[in-house]
Amino acid sequence: MKKVILAVFTIVTLLAVGCHSSIKVGDTSYKKSDAKAGLAIYDVGGKCTKCHKPKPVDSFTPERWTGILSKMIPKAKLDDHEASLVTAYVMTHAKKG
């Protein structure tokens, strides 16, 4: 019985951690689910590709992305929620270093 309880506890813990997993970039943590949703806006959704092809996100560091996003978010007419999702996507996939 103890093995069953331990197994159930382990599975529940892993599910809870997996659902709320995040990626830390610098001092900021981004939810993996937000980053995934940001990809849909950045690439698939077309808001960031109306005027140009999508840039490979790992071509720029998080610091460089901060400057790029500050200029491109208004041009793409992203609302605050969309902007946070795109930011999560590019920051979590940005070039390290």
N, C-alpha and C. Protein backbone atom coordinates (compact mmCIF):
# COMPACT_ATOMS: atom_id res chain seq x y z
N MET A 1 0.82 -1.20 0.00
CA MET A 1 0.00 0.00 0.00
C MET A 1 0.86 1.26 0.00
N LYS A 2 1.97 1.21 0.75
CA LYS A 2 2.86 2.37 0.81
C LYS A 2 3.44 2.68 -0.57
N LYS A 3 3.74 1.64 -1.35
CA LYS A 3 4.29 1.83 -2.69
C LYS A 3 3.28 2.52 -3.60
N VAL A 4 2.02 2.17 -3.48
CA VAL A 4 0.96 2.78 -4.29
C VAL A 4 0.82 4.25 -3.93
N ILE A 5 0.79 4.53 -2.64
CA ILE A 5 0.67 5.92 -2.20
C ILE A 5 1.88 6.73 -2.67
N LEU A 6 3.06 6.20 -2.55
CA LEU A 6 4.26 6.88 -3.00
C LEU A 6 4.23 7.11 -4.51
N ALA A 7 3.79 6.13 -5.26
CA ALA A 7 3.69 6.27 -6.71
C ALA A 7 2.69 7.35 -7.10
N VAL A 8 1.54 7.36 -6.47
CA VAL A 8 0.53 8.38 -6.75
C VAL A 8 1.06 9.76 -6.38
N PHE A 9 1.68 9.88 -5.23
CA PHE A 9 2.26 11.16 -4.81
C PHE A 9 3.30 11.65 -5.82
N THR A 10 4.15 10.76 -6.28
CA THR A 10 5.19 11.11 -7.25
C THR A 10 4.57 11.60 -8.56
N ILE A 11 3.58 10.90 -9.05
CA ILE A 11 2.92 11.29 -10.31
C ILE A 11 2.24 12.65 -10.16
N VAL A 12 1.53 12.86 -9.08
CA VAL A 12 0.85 14.14 -8.85
C VAL A 12 1.87 15.27 -8.76
N THR A 13 2.96 15.05 -8.07
CA THR A 13 4.00 16.06 -7.95
C THR A 13 4.60 16.39 -9.30
N LEU A 14 4.92 15.39 -10.09
CA LEU A 14 5.48 15.63 -11.41
C LEU A 14 4.51 16.38 -12.31
N LEU A 15 3.26 16.05 -12.25
CA LEU A 15 2.26 16.76 -13.05
C LEU A 15 2.14 18.22 -12.61
N ALA A 16 2.15 18.45 -11.32
CA ALA A 16 2.05 19.82 -10.81
C ALA A 16 3.25 20.65 -11.23
N VAL A 17 4.42 20.09 -11.13
CA VAL A 17 5.64 20.81 -11.53
C VAL A 17 5.64 21.03 -13.04
N GLY A 18 5.25 20.05 -13.80
CA GLY A 18 5.24 20.18 -15.26
C GLY A 18 4.27 21.22 -15.76
N CYS A 19 3.14 21.36 -15.10
CA CYS A 19 2.14 22.33 -15.53
C CYS A 19 2.56 23.75 -15.24
N HIS A 20 3.38 23.93 -14.25
CA HIS A 20 3.78 25.28 -13.85
C HIS A 20 5.26 25.53 -14.12
N SER A 21 5.82 24.78 -15.02
CA SER A 21 7.24 24.92 -15.26
C SER A 21 7.53 26.25 -15.93
N SER A 22 8.68 26.76 -15.60
CA SER A 22 9.07 28.05 -16.17
C SER A 22 10.54 28.01 -16.52
N ILE A 23 10.93 29.01 -17.29
CA ILE A 23 12.32 29.15 -17.72
C ILE A 23 12.79 30.51 -17.23
N LYS A 24 13.91 30.53 -16.54
CA LYS A 24 14.45 31.78 -16.03
C LYS A 24 15.47 32.34 -17.02
N VAL A 25 15.29 33.61 -17.37
CA VAL A 25 16.22 34.33 -18.23
C VAL A 25 16.60 35.59 -17.48
N GLY A 26 17.85 35.65 -17.07
CA GLY A 26 18.27 36.78 -16.25
C GLY A 26 17.50 36.76 -14.94
N ASP A 27 16.84 37.88 -14.63
CA ASP A 27 16.06 37.98 -13.39
C ASP A 27 14.59 37.66 -13.59
N THR A 28 14.21 37.30 -14.81
CA THR A 28 12.80 37.08 -15.13
C THR A 28 12.53 35.61 -15.42
N SER A 29 11.40 35.12 -14.93
CA SER A 29 10.96 33.75 -15.23
C SER A 29 9.77 33.83 -16.18
N TYR A 30 9.80 32.97 -17.19
CA TYR A 30 8.73 32.91 -18.18
C TYR A 30 8.11 31.51 -18.13
N LYS A 31 6.79 31.45 -18.20
CA LYS A 31 6.11 30.17 -18.24
C LYS A 31 6.33 29.53 -19.60
N LYS A 32 6.57 28.22 -19.59
CA LYS A 32 6.74 27.50 -20.85
C LYS A 32 5.48 27.61 -21.70
N SER A 33 4.32 27.59 -21.08
CA SER A 33 3.07 27.70 -21.84
C SER A 33 2.94 29.06 -22.52
N ASP A 34 3.44 30.12 -21.87
CA ASP A 34 3.42 31.45 -22.49
C ASP A 34 4.36 31.49 -23.68
N ALA A 35 5.54 30.88 -23.53
CA ALA A 35 6.49 30.85 -24.63
C ALA A 35 5.92 30.10 -25.83
N LYS A 36 5.23 29.01 -25.57
CA LYS A 36 4.62 28.23 -26.65
C LYS A 36 3.53 29.06 -27.35
N ALA A 37 2.72 29.75 -26.57
CA ALA A 37 1.69 30.61 -27.16
C ALA A 37 2.31 31.77 -27.93
N GLY A 38 3.45 32.26 -27.46
CA GLY A 38 4.15 33.34 -28.14
C GLY A 38 4.64 32.94 -29.52
N LEU A 39 5.02 31.68 -29.68
CA LEU A 39 5.43 31.19 -31.00
C LEU A 39 4.31 31.35 -32.00
N ALA A 40 3.09 31.07 -31.59
CA ALA A 40 1.95 31.18 -32.50
C ALA A 40 1.77 32.61 -33.00
N ILE A 41 2.05 33.58 -32.15
CA ILE A 41 1.93 34.98 -32.56
C ILE A 41 3.14 35.39 -33.37
N TYR A 42 4.32 34.98 -32.93
CA TYR A 42 5.56 35.38 -33.57
C TYR A 42 5.70 34.84 -34.98
N ASP A 43 5.39 33.59 -35.16
CA ASP A 43 5.66 32.92 -36.43
C ASP A 43 4.38 32.53 -37.16
N VAL A 44 3.58 31.72 -36.55
CA VAL A 44 2.42 31.13 -37.20
C VAL A 44 1.29 32.15 -37.38
N GLY A 45 1.04 32.97 -36.38
CA GLY A 45 -0.08 33.90 -36.40
C GLY A 45 0.06 35.04 -37.38
N GLY A 46 1.26 35.33 -37.79
CA GLY A 46 1.47 36.34 -38.81
C GLY A 46 1.59 37.77 -38.33
N LYS A 47 1.39 38.04 -37.05
CA LYS A 47 1.48 39.42 -36.58
C LYS A 47 2.91 39.95 -36.67
N CYS A 48 3.87 39.08 -36.50
CA CYS A 48 5.26 39.50 -36.57
C CYS A 48 5.86 39.25 -37.96
N THR A 49 5.08 38.69 -38.83
CA THR A 49 5.60 38.36 -40.16
C THR A 49 4.82 39.05 -41.28
N LYS A 50 4.06 40.07 -40.94
CA LYS A 50 3.34 40.81 -41.97
C LYS A 50 4.31 41.54 -42.89
N CYS A 51 5.39 42.04 -42.31
CA CYS A 51 6.33 42.87 -43.08
C CYS A 51 7.64 42.18 -43.41
N HIS A 52 7.96 41.11 -42.72
CA HIS A 52 9.25 40.43 -42.94
C HIS A 52 9.15 38.98 -42.48
N LYS A 53 10.12 38.20 -42.89
CA LYS A 53 10.21 36.81 -42.42
C LYS A 53 10.60 36.81 -40.95
N PRO A 54 10.20 35.78 -40.22
CA PRO A 54 10.60 35.74 -38.81
C PRO A 54 12.11 35.56 -38.66
N LYS A 55 12.67 36.28 -37.75
CA LYS A 55 14.10 36.15 -37.45
C LYS A 55 14.30 34.91 -36.57
N PRO A 56 15.38 34.18 -36.81
CA PRO A 56 15.67 33.05 -35.90
C PRO A 56 15.91 33.62 -34.49
N VAL A 57 15.11 33.22 -33.53
CA VAL A 57 15.19 33.84 -32.20
C VAL A 57 16.52 33.59 -31.51
N ASP A 58 17.21 32.52 -31.88
CA ASP A 58 18.50 32.26 -31.25
C ASP A 58 19.64 33.03 -31.91
N SER A 59 19.32 33.95 -32.78
CA SER A 59 20.34 34.80 -33.41
C SER A 59 20.71 35.99 -32.52
N PHE A 60 19.85 36.31 -31.56
CA PHE A 60 20.07 37.48 -30.72
C PHE A 60 20.03 37.11 -29.24
N THR A 61 20.76 37.86 -28.44
CA THR A 61 20.76 37.68 -26.99
C THR A 61 19.48 38.30 -26.41
N PRO A 62 19.14 37.96 -25.16
CA PRO A 62 17.99 38.62 -24.53
C PRO A 62 18.12 40.15 -24.50
N GLU A 63 19.31 40.63 -24.29
CA GLU A 63 19.51 42.08 -24.25
C GLU A 63 19.18 42.71 -25.61
N ARG A 64 19.63 42.07 -26.67
CA ARG A 64 19.33 42.59 -28.01
C ARG A 64 17.84 42.48 -28.33
N TRP A 65 17.22 41.39 -27.89
CA TRP A 65 15.78 41.22 -28.11
C TRP A 65 14.98 42.31 -27.42
N THR A 66 15.44 42.77 -26.27
CA THR A 66 14.74 43.84 -25.56
C THR A 66 14.62 45.07 -26.46
N GLY A 67 15.70 45.44 -27.12
CA GLY A 67 15.67 46.58 -28.03
C GLY A 67 14.81 46.32 -29.26
N ILE A 68 14.92 45.13 -29.81
CA ILE A 68 14.14 44.79 -31.00
C ILE A 68 12.64 44.82 -30.67
N LEU A 69 12.27 44.18 -29.56
CA LEU A 69 10.86 44.11 -29.20
C LEU A 69 10.28 45.48 -28.89
N SER A 70 11.06 46.35 -28.28
CA SER A 70 10.54 47.69 -27.96
C SER A 70 10.16 48.45 -29.22
N LYS A 71 10.82 48.15 -30.32
CA LYS A 71 10.49 48.82 -31.59
C LYS A 71 9.42 48.06 -32.38
N MET A 72 9.46 46.74 -32.34
CA MET A 72 8.58 45.95 -33.20
C MET A 72 7.19 45.70 -32.62
N ILE A 73 7.05 45.64 -31.32
CA ILE A 73 5.74 45.39 -30.72
C ILE A 73 4.73 46.46 -31.13
N PRO A 74 5.07 47.74 -31.06
CA PRO A 74 4.09 48.75 -31.52
C PRO A 74 3.79 48.64 -33.03
N LYS A 75 4.80 48.34 -33.83
CA LYS A 75 4.59 48.21 -35.28
C LYS A 75 3.67 47.05 -35.62
N ALA A 76 3.79 45.96 -34.84
CA ALA A 76 2.94 44.78 -35.07
C ALA A 76 1.56 44.94 -34.43
N LYS A 77 1.38 46.03 -33.69
CA LYS A 77 0.11 46.33 -33.02
C LYS A 77 -0.33 45.20 -32.08
N LEU A 78 0.66 44.72 -31.30
CA LEU A 78 0.36 43.68 -30.31
C LEU A 78 -0.25 44.33 -29.07
N ASP A 79 -1.27 43.69 -28.52
CA ASP A 79 -1.79 44.18 -27.24
C ASP A 79 -0.83 43.71 -26.14
N ASP A 80 -1.10 44.12 -24.91
CA ASP A 80 -0.18 43.80 -23.80
C ASP A 80 -0.02 42.30 -23.60
N HIS A 81 -1.12 41.56 -23.72
CA HIS A 81 -1.04 40.11 -23.52
C HIS A 81 -0.22 39.46 -24.63
N GLU A 82 -0.48 39.83 -25.88
CA GLU A 82 0.29 39.28 -27.00
C GLU A 82 1.77 39.64 -26.86
N ALA A 83 2.04 40.87 -26.45
CA ALA A 83 3.43 41.30 -26.27
C ALA A 83 4.14 40.46 -25.21
N SER A 84 3.44 40.15 -24.12
CA SER A 84 4.08 39.34 -23.07
C SER A 84 4.33 37.92 -23.56
N LEU A 85 3.44 37.37 -24.37
CA LEU A 85 3.64 36.02 -24.90
C LEU A 85 4.81 35.97 -25.89
N VAL A 86 4.88 36.95 -26.78
CA VAL A 86 5.99 36.99 -27.74
C VAL A 86 7.30 37.20 -26.99
N THR A 87 7.29 38.06 -26.01
CA THR A 87 8.49 38.29 -25.20
C THR A 87 8.93 37.00 -24.53
N ALA A 88 8.00 36.25 -23.97
CA ALA A 88 8.33 34.97 -23.34
C ALA A 88 8.95 34.03 -24.35
N TYR A 89 8.39 33.99 -25.56
CA TYR A 89 8.92 33.09 -26.60
C TYR A 89 10.35 33.47 -26.99
N VAL A 90 10.57 34.72 -27.35
CA VAL A 90 11.91 35.07 -27.84
C VAL A 90 12.95 35.02 -26.73
N MET A 91 12.59 35.40 -25.51
CA MET A 91 13.55 35.40 -24.43
C MET A 91 13.96 33.99 -24.03
N THR A 92 13.02 33.06 -24.05
CA THR A 92 13.36 31.70 -23.64
C THR A 92 14.11 30.95 -24.72
N HIS A 93 14.11 31.46 -25.93
CA HIS A 93 14.84 30.81 -27.02
C HIS A 93 16.00 31.65 -27.54
N ALA A 94 16.29 32.75 -26.88
CA ALA A 94 17.36 33.65 -27.31
C ALA A 94 18.73 33.02 -27.15
N LYS A 95 19.68 33.58 -27.89
CA LYS A 95 21.07 33.12 -27.81
C LYS A 95 21.59 33.32 -26.39
N LYS A 96 22.22 32.32 -25.88
CA LYS A 96 22.78 32.39 -24.54
C LYS A 96 24.11 33.13 -24.58
N GLY A 97 24.31 33.97 -23.58
CA GLY A 97 25.60 34.60 -23.46
C GLY A 97 25.62 35.98 -23.89
